């Protein structure tokens, strides 16, 4: 049985992975290497590190295809990375051509949300469904769409950029827009909500037990405080959860999906986010569409990024064959 390989390019870290599909809905990760992206050193530094690690993983094995998952914007048809905000200096990088020339293997590119949607659809929580939405809810907020059993990237790979939708006239900034979905529902957004609420408390002369340094506050530290029973931390997650419910209602009413899978922060903090989200969702969405849709956490855990990159390799190969 031949192998497939994956490259997961992120602003903080990169991973390369070797795997193989052992069944229609089964994927085995054989080996994986992870390392820092080191963005200030420029794309060439990271790309050479990716290539070196990938050569080591492939060794003498026969690899049918390589999949690349990377934050957008990008051009999947031309194989270009187009200046992602978390990869400063990665401007018009012909990554697919570079990988093909180095390894002589068919290579495919998708943005990370689309790649994760493929992973959950084929091997995770969305197996067996035809209409799927995957939400990242991590460093940023984006969506990957599977509609009628096909990935829907849009006209120029910009479908699913829901983080840019404005949910409120005022609020935390995300995706370059105040009050956006990403502003309220992302790691950085939750931290911004916290900074505002904490500042209010401090100006009123109230103490904030979980605060050490307001500039270093994070979604993780707030969640830890909330789970420990801190009421302000719970309120911060309620605010994010309410906006999540509003954003979900828009997706459900427009796309009428069977299942929405949410990753990262939702996966870890569902109990903090869901009560407020569900309340708004019930009030805002069409009941018949809401009842037809399941909302679940990612089923792939820490392997999601690796399986996403491998899924791009599998989907790219299948899609190419279907167009021959």
C-alpha atoms as a PDB file:
ATOM      1  CA  UNK A   1       0.000   0.000   0.000  1.00  0.00           C
ATOM      2  CA  UNK A   2       1.406   3.369  -1.028  1.00  0.00           C
ATOM      3  CA  UNK A   3       1.641   6.357   1.283  1.00  0.00           C
ATOM      4  CA  UNK A   4       0.421   9.960   1.284  1.00  0.00           C
ATOM      5  CA  UNK A   5       2.115  12.959   2.882  1.00  0.00           C
ATOM      6  CA  UNK A   6       0.891  16.186   4.391  1.00  0.00           C
ATOM      7  CA  UNK A   7       2.279  19.634   5.172  1.00  0.00           C
ATOM      8  CA  UNK A   8       0.506  21.823   7.745  1.00  0.00           C
ATOM      9  CA  UNK A   9       1.787  25.420   7.639  1.00  0.00           C
ATOM     10  CA  UNK A  10       0.851  27.684  10.551  1.00  0.00           C
ATOM     11  CA  UNK A  11       1.993  31.017  11.886  1.00  0.00           C
ATOM     12  CA  UNK A  12       3.440  29.441  15.043  1.00  0.00           C
ATOM     13  CA  UNK A  13       4.420  25.955  13.915  1.00  0.00           C
ATOM     14  CA  UNK A  14       4.619  23.698  10.897  1.00  0.00           C
ATOM     15  CA  UNK A  15       4.150  19.941  10.697  1.00  0.00           C
ATOM     16  CA  UNK A  16       4.943  17.320   8.108  1.00  0.00           C
ATOM     17  CA  UNK A  17       3.258  13.942   8.291  1.00  0.00           C
ATOM     18  CA  UNK A  18       3.402  10.593   6.525  1.00  0.00           C
ATOM     19  CA  UNK A  19       0.283   8.442   6.488  1.00  0.00           C
ATOM     20  CA  UNK A  20      -1.804   5.972   4.567  1.00  0.00           C
ATOM     21  CA  UNK A  21      -5.479   5.298   4.101  1.00  0.00           C
ATOM     22  CA  UNK A  22      -6.282   1.849   5.504  1.00  0.00           C
ATOM     23  CA  UNK A  23     -10.008   1.924   4.779  1.00  0.00           C
ATOM     24  CA  UNK A  24     -12.739   4.090   3.298  1.00  0.00           C
ATOM     25  CA  UNK A  25     -12.997   6.016   6.576  1.00  0.00           C
ATOM     26  CA  UNK A  26      -9.743   5.058   8.258  1.00  0.00           C
ATOM     27  CA  UNK A  27      -6.440   6.906   8.119  1.00  0.00           C
ATOM     28  CA  UNK A  28      -3.199   5.895   9.787  1.00  0.00           C
ATOM     29  CA  UNK A  29      -0.542   8.437  10.769  1.00  0.00           C
ATOM     30  CA  UNK A  30       2.822   6.731  10.350  1.00  0.00           C
ATOM     31  CA  UNK A  31       5.266   9.496  11.306  1.00  0.00           C
ATOM     32  CA  UNK A  32       5.077  13.200  12.095  1.00  0.00           C
ATOM     33  CA  UNK A  33       7.596  16.015  12.646  1.00  0.00           C
ATOM     34  CA  UNK A  34       6.655  19.410  14.120  1.00  0.00           C
ATOM     35  CA  UNK A  35       8.830  22.528  14.361  1.00  0.00           C
ATOM     36  CA  UNK A  36       8.553  26.301  14.817  1.00  0.00           C
ATOM     37  CA  UNK A  37       7.667  28.352  11.745  1.00  0.00           C
ATOM     38  CA  UNK A  38      10.045  31.217  12.694  1.00  0.00           C
ATOM     39  CA  UNK A  39       8.189  33.737  10.534  1.00  0.00           C
ATOM     40  CA  UNK A  40      10.751  36.583  10.991  1.00  0.00           C
ATOM     41  CA  UNK A  41      13.380  34.484   9.184  1.00  0.00           C
ATOM     42  CA  UNK A  42      11.252  34.554   6.024  1.00  0.00           C
ATOM     43  CA  UNK A  43       9.446  31.897   3.987  1.00  0.00           C
ATOM     44  CA  UNK A  44      12.584  30.393   2.435  1.00  0.00           C
ATOM     45  CA  UNK A  45      13.869  29.360   5.860  1.00  0.00           C
ATOM     46  CA  UNK A  46      10.625  27.562   6.781  1.00  0.00           C
ATOM     47  CA  UNK A  47      10.180  26.004   3.344  1.00  0.00           C
ATOM     48  CA  UNK A  48      13.666  24.489   3.411  1.00  0.00           C
ATOM     49  CA  UNK A  49      12.951  23.159   6.903  1.00  0.00           C
ATOM     50  CA  UNK A  50       9.695  21.660   5.630  1.00  0.00           C
ATOM     51  CA  UNK A  51      11.477  20.014   2.711  1.00  0.00           C
ATOM     52  CA  UNK A  52      14.239  18.606   4.907  1.00  0.00           C
ATOM     53  CA  UNK A  53      11.769  17.094   7.372  1.00  0.00           C
ATOM     54  CA  UNK A  54       9.575  15.741   4.582  1.00  0.00           C
ATOM     55  CA  UNK A  55      12.527  14.046   2.873  1.00  0.00           C
ATOM     56  CA  UNK A  56      13.375  12.395   6.182  1.00  0.00           C
ATOM     57  CA  UNK A  57       9.816  11.139   6.659  1.00  0.00           C
ATOM     58  CA  UNK A  58       9.343   9.857   3.112  1.00  0.00           C
ATOM     59  CA  UNK A  59      12.677   8.049   2.957  1.00  0.00           C
ATOM     60  CA  UNK A  60      12.405   5.175   0.481  1.00  0.00           C
ATOM     61  CA  UNK A  61       8.602   4.933   0.711  1.00  0.00           C
ATOM     62  CA  UNK A  62       6.411   5.436  -2.358  1.00  0.00           C
ATOM     63  CA  UNK A  63       4.136   8.461  -1.894  1.00  0.00           C
ATOM     64  CA  UNK A  64       1.163   8.953  -4.210  1.00  0.00           C
ATOM     65  CA  UNK A  65       0.358  12.572  -3.338  1.00  0.00           C
ATOM     66  CA  UNK A  66       1.116  15.428  -0.971  1.00  0.00           C
ATOM     67  CA  UNK A  67      -1.461  17.726   0.616  1.00  0.00           C
ATOM     68  CA  UNK A  68      -0.742  21.204   1.966  1.00  0.00           C
ATOM     69  CA  UNK A  69      -2.942  22.945   4.534  1.00  0.00           C
ATOM     70  CA  UNK A  70      -2.229  26.642   5.120  1.00  0.00           C
ATOM     71  CA  UNK A  71      -4.075  29.700   6.368  1.00  0.00           C
ATOM     72  CA  UNK A  72      -5.577  31.837   3.618  1.00  0.00           C
ATOM     73  CA  UNK A  73      -5.820  33.779   1.488  1.00  0.00           C
ATOM     74  CA  UNK A  74      -4.498  31.447  -1.159  1.00  0.00           C
ATOM     75  CA  UNK A  75      -5.166  30.248  -4.692  1.00  0.00           C
ATOM     76  CA  UNK A  76      -5.693  26.498  -4.628  1.00  0.00           C
ATOM     77  CA  UNK A  77      -5.962  26.184  -8.417  1.00  0.00           C
ATOM     78  CA  UNK A  78      -2.611  27.877  -9.058  1.00  0.00           C
ATOM     79  CA  UNK A  79      -1.031  26.540  -5.887  1.00  0.00           C
ATOM     80  CA  UNK A  80      -0.152  29.956  -4.432  1.00  0.00           C
ATOM     81  CA  UNK A  81       0.003  31.210  -0.840  1.00  0.00           C
ATOM     82  CA  UNK A  82      -1.196  34.829  -0.947  1.00  0.00           C
ATOM     83  CA  UNK A  83       0.033  36.868   2.034  1.00  0.00           C
ATOM     84  CA  UNK A  84      -1.717  35.235   5.023  1.00  0.00           C
ATOM     85  CA  UNK A  85      -1.894  37.653   7.972  1.00  0.00           C
ATOM     86  CA  UNK A  86      -0.149  35.170  10.292  1.00  0.00           C
ATOM     87  CA  UNK A  87       2.673  34.510   7.772  1.00  0.00           C
ATOM     88  CA  UNK A  88       4.242  37.895   7.166  1.00  0.00           C
ATOM     89  CA  UNK A  89       6.409  37.857   4.060  1.00  0.00           C
ATOM     90  CA  UNK A  90       4.725  34.829   2.482  1.00  0.00           C
ATOM     91  CA  UNK A  91       3.622  36.777  -0.572  1.00  0.00           C
ATOM     92  CA  UNK A  92       2.651  34.897  -3.755  1.00  0.00           C
ATOM     93  CA  UNK A  93       4.603  31.791  -2.760  1.00  0.00           C
ATOM     94  CA  UNK A  94       4.213  29.083  -5.478  1.00  0.00           C
ATOM     95  CA  UNK A  95       4.310  26.370  -2.841  1.00  0.00           C
ATOM     96  CA  UNK A  96       2.732  23.606  -4.951  1.00  0.00           C
ATOM     97  CA  UNK A  97       5.212  24.118  -7.795  1.00  0.00           C
ATOM     98  CA  UNK A  98       8.104  24.175  -5.309  1.00  0.00           C
ATOM     99  CA  UNK A  99       7.028  20.887  -3.702  1.00  0.00           C
ATOM    100  CA  UNK A 100       6.440  19.212  -7.090  1.00  0.00           C
ATOM    101  CA  UNK A 101       9.859  20.273  -8.373  1.00  0.00           C
ATOM    102  CA  UNK A 102      11.590  19.039  -5.221  1.00  0.00           C
ATOM    103  CA  UNK A 103       9.803  15.715  -4.747  1.00  0.00           C
ATOM    104  CA  UNK A 104       8.289  14.886  -8.136  1.00  0.00           C
ATOM    105  CA  UNK A 105       4.969  14.038  -6.482  1.00  0.00           C
ATOM    106  CA  UNK A 106       1.464  15.346  -7.235  1.00  0.00           C
ATOM    107  CA  UNK A 107       0.702  18.103  -4.721  1.00  0.00           C
ATOM    108  CA  UNK A 108      -2.508  19.906  -3.723  1.00  0.00           C
ATOM    109  CA  UNK A 109      -3.250  23.004  -1.618  1.00  0.00           C
ATOM    110  CA  UNK A 110      -6.247  24.078   0.499  1.00  0.00           C
ATOM    111  CA  UNK A 111      -6.768  26.654   3.205  1.00  0.00           C
ATOM    112  CA  UNK A 112      -6.753  25.264   6.722  1.00  0.00           C
ATOM    113  CA  UNK A 113     -10.517  25.538   7.308  1.00  0.00           C
ATOM    114  CA  UNK A 114     -11.279  23.646   4.082  1.00  0.00           C
ATOM    115  CA  UNK A 115      -8.644  21.052   4.951  1.00  0.00           C
ATOM    116  CA  UNK A 116     -10.172  20.544   8.404  1.00  0.00           C
ATOM    117  CA  UNK A 117     -13.646  20.241   6.869  1.00  0.00           C
ATOM    118  CA  UNK A 118     -12.336  17.473   4.594  1.00  0.00           C
ATOM    119  CA  UNK A 119     -10.743  15.741   7.587  1.00  0.00           C
ATOM    120  CA  UNK A 120     -13.861  15.795   9.759  1.00  0.00           C
ATOM    121  CA  UNK A 121     -16.061  14.798   6.800  1.00  0.00           C
ATOM    122  CA  UNK A 122     -13.926  11.817   5.844  1.00  0.00           C
ATOM    123  CA  UNK A 123     -12.506  10.644   9.164  1.00  0.00           C
ATOM    124  CA  UNK A 124     -14.052  12.573  12.052  1.00  0.00           C
ATOM    125  CA  UNK A 125     -17.308  13.796  13.529  1.00  0.00           C
ATOM    126  CA  UNK A 126     -18.993  14.508  10.153  1.00  0.00           C
ATOM    127  CA  UNK A 127     -18.568  11.069   8.567  1.00  0.00           C
ATOM    128  CA  UNK A 128     -21.683  10.031   6.646  1.00  0.00           C
ATOM    129  CA  UNK A 129     -23.083  13.559   6.227  1.00  0.00           C
ATOM    130  CA  UNK A 130     -23.554  15.367   2.909  1.00  0.00           C
ATOM    131  CA  UNK A 131     -23.793  18.998   4.059  1.00  0.00           C
ATOM    132  CA  UNK A 132     -21.150  19.961   6.580  1.00  0.00           C
ATOM    133  CA  UNK A 133     -19.780  23.190   8.067  1.00  0.00           C
ATOM    134  CA  UNK A 134     -16.496  23.173   9.969  1.00  0.00           C
ATOM    135  CA  UNK A 135     -15.611  26.177  12.167  1.00  0.00           C
ATOM    136  CA  UNK A 136     -12.015  26.732  13.240  1.00  0.00           C
ATOM    137  CA  UNK A 137     -12.632  28.836  16.427  1.00  0.00           C
ATOM    138  CA  UNK A 138      -8.925  29.000  17.292  1.00  0.00           C
ATOM    139  CA  UNK A 139      -6.419  31.727  16.504  1.00  0.00           C
ATOM    140  CA  UNK A 140      -9.064  32.962  14.062  1.00  0.00           C
ATOM    141  CA  UNK A 141     -12.597  32.093  12.994  1.00  0.00           C
ATOM    142  CA  UNK A 142     -13.195  30.621   9.559  1.00  0.00           C
ATOM    143  CA  UNK A 143     -15.348  27.953   7.964  1.00  0.00           C
ATOM    144  CA  UNK A 144     -14.859  25.056   5.599  1.00  0.00           C
ATOM    145  CA  UNK A 145     -17.942  24.012   3.640  1.00  0.00           C
ATOM    146  CA  UNK A 146     -18.910  20.586   2.312  1.00  0.00           C
ATOM    147  CA  UNK A 147     -22.094  21.025   0.241  1.00  0.00           C
ATOM    148  CA  UNK A 148     -23.798  18.095  -1.488  1.00  0.00           C
ATOM    149  CA  UNK A 149     -20.766  15.885  -0.841  1.00  0.00           C
ATOM    150  CA  UNK A 150     -18.247  18.278  -2.363  1.00  0.00           C
ATOM    151  CA  UNK A 151     -15.872  20.831  -0.942  1.00  0.00           C
ATOM    152  CA  UNK A 152     -17.136  24.324  -1.765  1.00  0.00           C
ATOM    153  CA  UNK A 153     -14.166  26.751  -1.946  1.00  0.00           C
ATOM    154  CA  UNK A 154     -16.077  29.544  -3.712  1.00  0.00           C
ATOM    155  CA  UNK A 155     -15.134  31.539  -6.807  1.00  0.00           C
ATOM    156  CA  UNK A 156     -11.623  32.432  -5.622  1.00  0.00           C
ATOM    157  CA  UNK A 157     -11.105  30.310  -2.485  1.00  0.00           C
ATOM    158  CA  UNK A 158     -12.853  32.852  -0.243  1.00  0.00           C
ATOM    159  CA  UNK A 159     -15.993  30.896   0.660  1.00  0.00           C
ATOM    160  CA  UNK A 160     -16.436  30.407   4.385  1.00  0.00           C
ATOM    161  CA  UNK A 161     -14.633  33.550   5.553  1.00  0.00           C
ATOM    162  CA  UNK A 162     -17.304  34.048   8.198  1.00  0.00           C
ATOM    163  CA  UNK A 163     -14.877  35.612  10.665  1.00  0.00           C
ATOM    164  CA  UNK A 164     -15.247  38.848   8.692  1.00  0.00           C
ATOM    165  CA  UNK A 165     -19.017  39.079   9.248  1.00  0.00           C
ATOM    166  CA  UNK A 166     -19.882  41.935  11.612  1.00  0.00           C
ATOM    167  CA  UNK A 167     -22.084  40.729  14.466  1.00  0.00           C
ATOM    168  CA  UNK A 168     -22.133  44.007  16.398  1.00  0.00           C
ATOM    169  CA  UNK A 169     -21.478  47.673  15.679  1.00  0.00           C
ATOM    170  CA  UNK A 170     -18.932  47.712  18.488  1.00  0.00           C
ATOM    171  CA  UNK A 171     -16.784  45.016  20.017  1.00  0.00           C
ATOM    172  CA  UNK A 172     -13.427  43.262  19.824  1.00  0.00           C
ATOM    173  CA  UNK A 173     -11.509  43.460  16.560  1.00  0.00           C
ATOM    174  CA  UNK A 174     -10.963  40.362  14.466  1.00  0.00           C
ATOM    175  CA  UNK A 175     -10.227  39.931  10.762  1.00  0.00           C
ATOM    176  CA  UNK A 176      -9.641  43.702  10.628  1.00  0.00           C
ATOM    177  CA  UNK A 177     -13.197  44.540  11.650  1.00  0.00           C
ATOM    178  CA  UNK A 178     -14.600  45.734  14.967  1.00  0.00           C
ATOM    179  CA  UNK A 179     -17.434  43.572  16.297  1.00  0.00           C
ATOM    180  CA  UNK A 180     -16.755  40.754  13.831  1.00  0.00           C
ATOM    181  CA  UNK A 181     -17.502  37.061  14.332  1.00  0.00           C
ATOM    182  CA  UNK A 182     -13.750  36.470  14.678  1.00  0.00           C
ATOM    183  CA  UNK A 183     -13.530  39.360  17.129  1.00  0.00           C
ATOM    184  CA  UNK A 184     -15.958  37.657  19.476  1.00  0.00           C
ATOM    185  CA  UNK A 185     -15.146  34.010  18.742  1.00  0.00           C
ATOM    186  CA  UNK A 186     -11.394  33.411  18.621  1.00  0.00           C
ATOM    187  CA  UNK A 187      -8.572  33.147  21.112  1.00  0.00           C
ATOM    188  CA  UNK A 188      -7.484  36.728  20.551  1.00  0.00           C
ATOM    189  CA  UNK A 189     -11.080  37.924  20.587  1.00  0.00           C
ATOM    190  CA  UNK A 190     -11.839  36.317  23.938  1.00  0.00           C
ATOM    191  CA  UNK A 191      -8.692  37.947  25.320  1.00  0.00           C
ATOM    192  CA  UNK A 192      -9.924  41.343  24.021  1.00  0.00           C
ATOM    193  CA  UNK A 193     -13.312  40.849  25.692  1.00  0.00           C
ATOM    194  CA  UNK A 194     -11.480  40.000  28.901  1.00  0.00           C
ATOM    195  CA  UNK A 195      -9.269  43.086  28.747  1.00  0.00           C
ATOM    196  CA  UNK A 196     -12.354  45.312  28.403  1.00  0.00           C
ATOM    197  CA  UNK A 197     -14.267  43.618  31.237  1.00  0.00           C
ATOM    198  CA  UNK A 198     -11.211  43.533  33.515  1.00  0.00           C
ATOM    199  CA  UNK A 199     -10.494  47.225  32.894  1.00  0.00           C
ATOM    200  CA  UNK A 200     -14.094  48.021  33.845  1.00  0.00           C
ATOM    201  CA  UNK A 201     -13.703  46.099  37.111  1.00  0.00           C
ATOM    202  CA  UNK A 202     -10.372  47.701  37.987  1.00  0.00           C
ATOM    203  CA  UNK A 203     -11.736  51.215  37.334  1.00  0.00           C
ATOM    204  CA  UNK A 204     -14.612  50.435  39.701  1.00  0.00           C
ATOM    205  CA  UNK A 205     -12.092  49.481  42.363  1.00  0.00           C
ATOM    206  CA  UNK A 206     -12.894  45.773  42.183  1.00  0.00           C
ATOM    207  CA  UNK A 207     -10.247  43.064  42.318  1.00  0.00           C
ATOM    208  CA  UNK A 208      -9.835  40.419  39.620  1.00  0.00           C
ATOM    209  CA  UNK A 209      -8.486  37.268  41.309  1.00  0.00           C
ATOM    210  CA  UNK A 210      -7.249  35.531  38.151  1.00  0.00           C
ATOM    211  CA  UNK A 211      -5.459  38.607  36.781  1.00  0.00           C
ATOM    212  CA  UNK A 212      -1.657  38.680  36.880  1.00  0.00           C
ATOM    213  CA  UNK A 213      -0.854  40.811  33.837  1.00  0.00           C
ATOM    214  CA  UNK A 214      -3.685  42.223  31.712  1.00  0.00           C
ATOM    215  CA  UNK A 215      -1.479  42.209  28.597  1.00  0.00           C
ATOM    216  CA  UNK A 216      -0.813  38.485  28.978  1.00  0.00           C
ATOM    217  CA  UNK A 217      -4.390  37.405  29.540  1.00  0.00           C
ATOM    218  CA  UNK A 218      -5.484  34.595  27.199  1.00  0.00           C
ATOM    219  CA  UNK A 219      -8.513  32.465  26.363  1.00  0.00           C
ATOM    220  CA  UNK A 220      -6.822  29.607  28.218  1.00  0.00           C
ATOM    221  CA  UNK A 221      -6.224  31.515  31.476  1.00  0.00           C
ATOM    222  CA  UNK A 222      -9.787  32.850  31.404  1.00  0.00           C
ATOM    223  CA  UNK A 223     -11.169  29.344  30.843  1.00  0.00           C
ATOM    224  CA  UNK A 224      -9.150  28.011  33.763  1.00  0.00           C
ATOM    225  CA  UNK A 225     -10.590  30.756  35.989  1.00  0.00           C
ATOM    226  CA  UNK A 226     -14.110  30.075  34.720  1.00  0.00           C
ATOM    227  CA  UNK A 227     -13.812  26.359  35.451  1.00  0.00           C
ATOM    228  CA  UNK A 228     -12.551  27.290  38.922  1.00  0.00           C
ATOM    229  CA  UNK A 229     -15.789  29.232  39.470  1.00  0.00           C
ATOM    230  CA  UNK A 230     -14.799  32.850  38.784  1.00  0.00           C
ATOM    231  CA  UNK A 231     -17.957  34.758  37.810  1.00  0.00           C
ATOM    232  CA  UNK A 232     -16.213  37.392  35.656  1.00  0.00           C
ATOM    233  CA  UNK A 233     -14.416  34.707  33.658  1.00  0.00           C
ATOM    234  CA  UNK A 234     -17.752  32.921  33.146  1.00  0.00           C
ATOM    235  CA  UNK A 235     -19.303  36.201  31.943  1.00  0.00           C
ATOM    236  CA  UNK A 236     -16.505  36.636  29.383  1.00  0.00           C
ATOM    237  CA  UNK A 237     -17.214  33.194  27.935  1.00  0.00           C
ATOM    238  CA  UNK A 238     -20.957  33.916  28.005  1.00  0.00           C
ATOM    239  CA  UNK A 239     -20.355  36.960  25.784  1.00  0.00           C
ATOM    240  CA  UNK A 240     -18.349  34.887  23.312  1.00  0.00           C
ATOM    241  CA  UNK A 241     -20.913  32.078  23.475  1.00  0.00           C
ATOM    242  CA  UNK A 242     -23.817  34.449  22.752  1.00  0.00           C
ATOM    243  CA  UNK A 243     -22.107  35.717  19.603  1.00  0.00           C
ATOM    244  CA  UNK A 244     -21.274  32.156  18.611  1.00  0.00           C
ATOM    245  CA  UNK A 245     -24.978  31.353  18.801  1.00  0.00           C
ATOM    246  CA  UNK A 246     -25.787  34.350  16.624  1.00  0.00           C
ATOM    247  CA  UNK A 247     -23.181  33.358  14.024  1.00  0.00           C
ATOM    248  CA  UNK A 248     -24.396  29.758  14.031  1.00  0.00           C
ATOM    249  CA  UNK A 249     -27.975  30.910  13.423  1.00  0.00           C
ATOM    250  CA  UNK A 250     -26.851  32.777  10.291  1.00  0.00           C
ATOM    251  CA  UNK A 251     -25.043  29.691   8.970  1.00  0.00           C
ATOM    252  CA  UNK A 252     -27.976  27.411   9.725  1.00  0.00           C
ATOM    253  CA  UNK A 253     -30.544  29.703   8.093  1.00  0.00           C
ATOM    254  CA  UNK A 254     -28.468  30.276   4.942  1.00  0.00           C
ATOM    255  CA  UNK A 255     -26.849  26.871   4.372  1.00  0.00           C
ATOM    256  CA  UNK A 256     -29.276  24.448   6.087  1.00  0.00           C
ATOM    257  CA  UNK A 257     -26.433  22.030   6.990  1.00  0.00           C
ATOM    258  CA  UNK A 258     -26.853  18.609   8.581  1.00  0.00           C
ATOM    259  CA  UNK A 259     -23.945  19.110  10.955  1.00  0.00           C
ATOM    260  CA  UNK A 260     -21.649  21.886  12.164  1.00  0.00           C
ATOM    261  CA  UNK A 261     -18.333  20.753  13.629  1.00  0.00           C
ATOM    262  CA  UNK A 262     -16.424  23.263  15.760  1.00  0.00           C
ATOM    263  CA  UNK A 263     -12.760  22.876  16.639  1.00  0.00           C
ATOM    264  CA  UNK A 264     -10.108  24.164  19.020  1.00  0.00           C
ATOM    265  CA  UNK A 265     -11.496  26.439  21.769  1.00  0.00           C
ATOM    266  CA  UNK A 266     -15.045  25.084  21.431  1.00  0.00           C
ATOM    267  CA  UNK A 267     -13.732  21.543  21.703  1.00  0.00           C
ATOM    268  CA  UNK A 268     -11.980  22.404  24.991  1.00  0.00           C
ATOM    269  CA  UNK A 269     -14.545  24.867  26.412  1.00  0.00           C
ATOM    270  CA  UNK A 270     -17.922  23.682  25.150  1.00  0.00           C
ATOM    271  CA  UNK A 271     -19.466  23.698  28.642  1.00  0.00           C
ATOM    272  CA  UNK A 272     -18.528  27.388  29.040  1.00  0.00           C
ATOM    273  CA  UNK A 273     -19.749  28.489  25.603  1.00  0.00           C
ATOM    274  CA  UNK A 274     -22.756  26.345  24.785  1.00  0.00           C
ATOM    275  CA  UNK A 275     -25.419  27.486  27.323  1.00  0.00           C
ATOM    276  CA  UNK A 276     -25.301  31.089  26.048  1.00  0.00           C
ATOM    277  CA  UNK A 277     -24.851  29.988  22.421  1.00  0.00           C
ATOM    278  CA  UNK A 278     -27.850  27.644  22.514  1.00  0.00           C
ATOM    279  CA  UNK A 279     -30.096  30.307  24.037  1.00  0.00           C
ATOM    280  CA  UNK A 280     -29.354  32.755  21.196  1.00  0.00           C
ATOM    281  CA  UNK A 281     -29.491  30.016  18.570  1.00  0.00           C
ATOM    282  CA  UNK A 282     -33.007  29.031  19.621  1.00  0.00           C
ATOM    283  CA  UNK A 283     -34.149  32.655  19.524  1.00  0.00           C
ATOM    284  CA  UNK A 284     -32.558  33.536  16.184  1.00  0.00           C
ATOM    285  CA  UNK A 285     -32.616  30.515  13.852  1.00  0.00           C
ATOM    286  CA  UNK A 286     -35.432  28.911  11.913  1.00  0.00           C
ATOM    287  CA  UNK A 287     -36.648  26.050  14.069  1.00  0.00           C
ATOM    288  CA  UNK A 288     -37.008  23.523  11.227  1.00  0.00           C
ATOM    289  CA  UNK A 289     -33.455  24.191  10.032  1.00  0.00           C
ATOM    290  CA  UNK A 290     -32.079  24.130  13.569  1.00  0.00           C
ATOM    291  CA  UNK A 291     -33.693  20.800  14.352  1.00  0.00           C
ATOM    292  CA  UNK A 292     -32.168  19.304  11.199  1.00  0.00           C
ATOM    293  CA  UNK A 293     -28.641  20.322  12.246  1.00  0.00           C
ATOM    294  CA  UNK A 294     -26.329  18.781  14.813  1.00  0.00           C
ATOM    295  CA  UNK A 295     -23.664  20.954  16.432  1.00  0.00           C
ATOM    296  CA  UNK A 296     -20.686  19.001  17.742  1.00  0.00           C
ATOM    297  CA  UNK A 297     -17.047  19.423  18.733  1.00  0.00           C
ATOM    298  CA  UNK A 298     -14.232  18.210  16.506  1.00  0.00           C
ATOM    299  CA  UNK A 299     -13.789  14.448  16.619  1.00  0.00           C
ATOM    300  CA  UNK A 300     -10.095  14.352  15.700  1.00  0.00           C
ATOM    301  CA  UNK A 301      -8.511  16.164  18.640  1.00  0.00           C
ATOM    302  CA  UNK A 302      -4.811  16.902  18.436  1.00  0.00           C
ATOM    303  CA  UNK A 303      -4.494  14.944  15.178  1.00  0.00           C
ATOM    304  CA  UNK A 304      -6.826  17.304  13.291  1.00  0.00           C
ATOM    305  CA  UNK A 305      -4.051  19.367  11.616  1.00  0.00           C
ATOM    306  CA  UNK A 306      -2.178  16.271  10.434  1.00  0.00           C
ATOM    307  CA  UNK A 307      -5.283  14.495   9.181  1.00  0.00           C
ATOM    308  CA  UNK A 308      -6.405  17.731   7.486  1.00  0.00           C
ATOM    309  CA  UNK A 309      -3.193  17.942   5.440  1.00  0.00           C
ATOM    310  CA  UNK A 310      -3.409  14.250   4.524  1.00  0.00           C
ATOM    311  CA  UNK A 311      -7.073  14.715   3.565  1.00  0.00           C
ATOM    312  CA  UNK A 312      -6.058  17.414   1.065  1.00  0.00           C
ATOM    313  CA  UNK A 313      -3.741  14.862  -0.571  1.00  0.00           C
ATOM    314  CA  UNK A 314      -6.551  12.288  -0.766  1.00  0.00           C
ATOM    315  CA  UNK A 315      -9.237  14.718  -1.968  1.00  0.00           C
ATOM    316  CA  UNK A 316      -6.934  16.320  -4.536  1.00  0.00           C
ATOM    317  CA  UNK A 317      -6.095  12.941  -6.041  1.00  0.00           C
ATOM    318  CA  UNK A 318      -9.734  11.835  -6.198  1.00  0.00           C
ATOM    319  CA  UNK A 319     -10.901  15.153  -7.617  1.00  0.00           C
ATOM    320  CA  UNK A 320      -8.234  15.044 -10.322  1.00  0.00           C
ATOM    321  CA  UNK A 321      -9.297  11.535 -11.373  1.00  0.00           C
ATOM    322  CA  UNK A 322     -12.957  12.614 -11.539  1.00  0.00           C
ATOM    323  CA  UNK A 323     -12.030  15.352 -14.028  1.00  0.00           C
ATOM    324  CA  UNK A 324      -9.936  13.187 -16.339  1.00  0.00           C
END
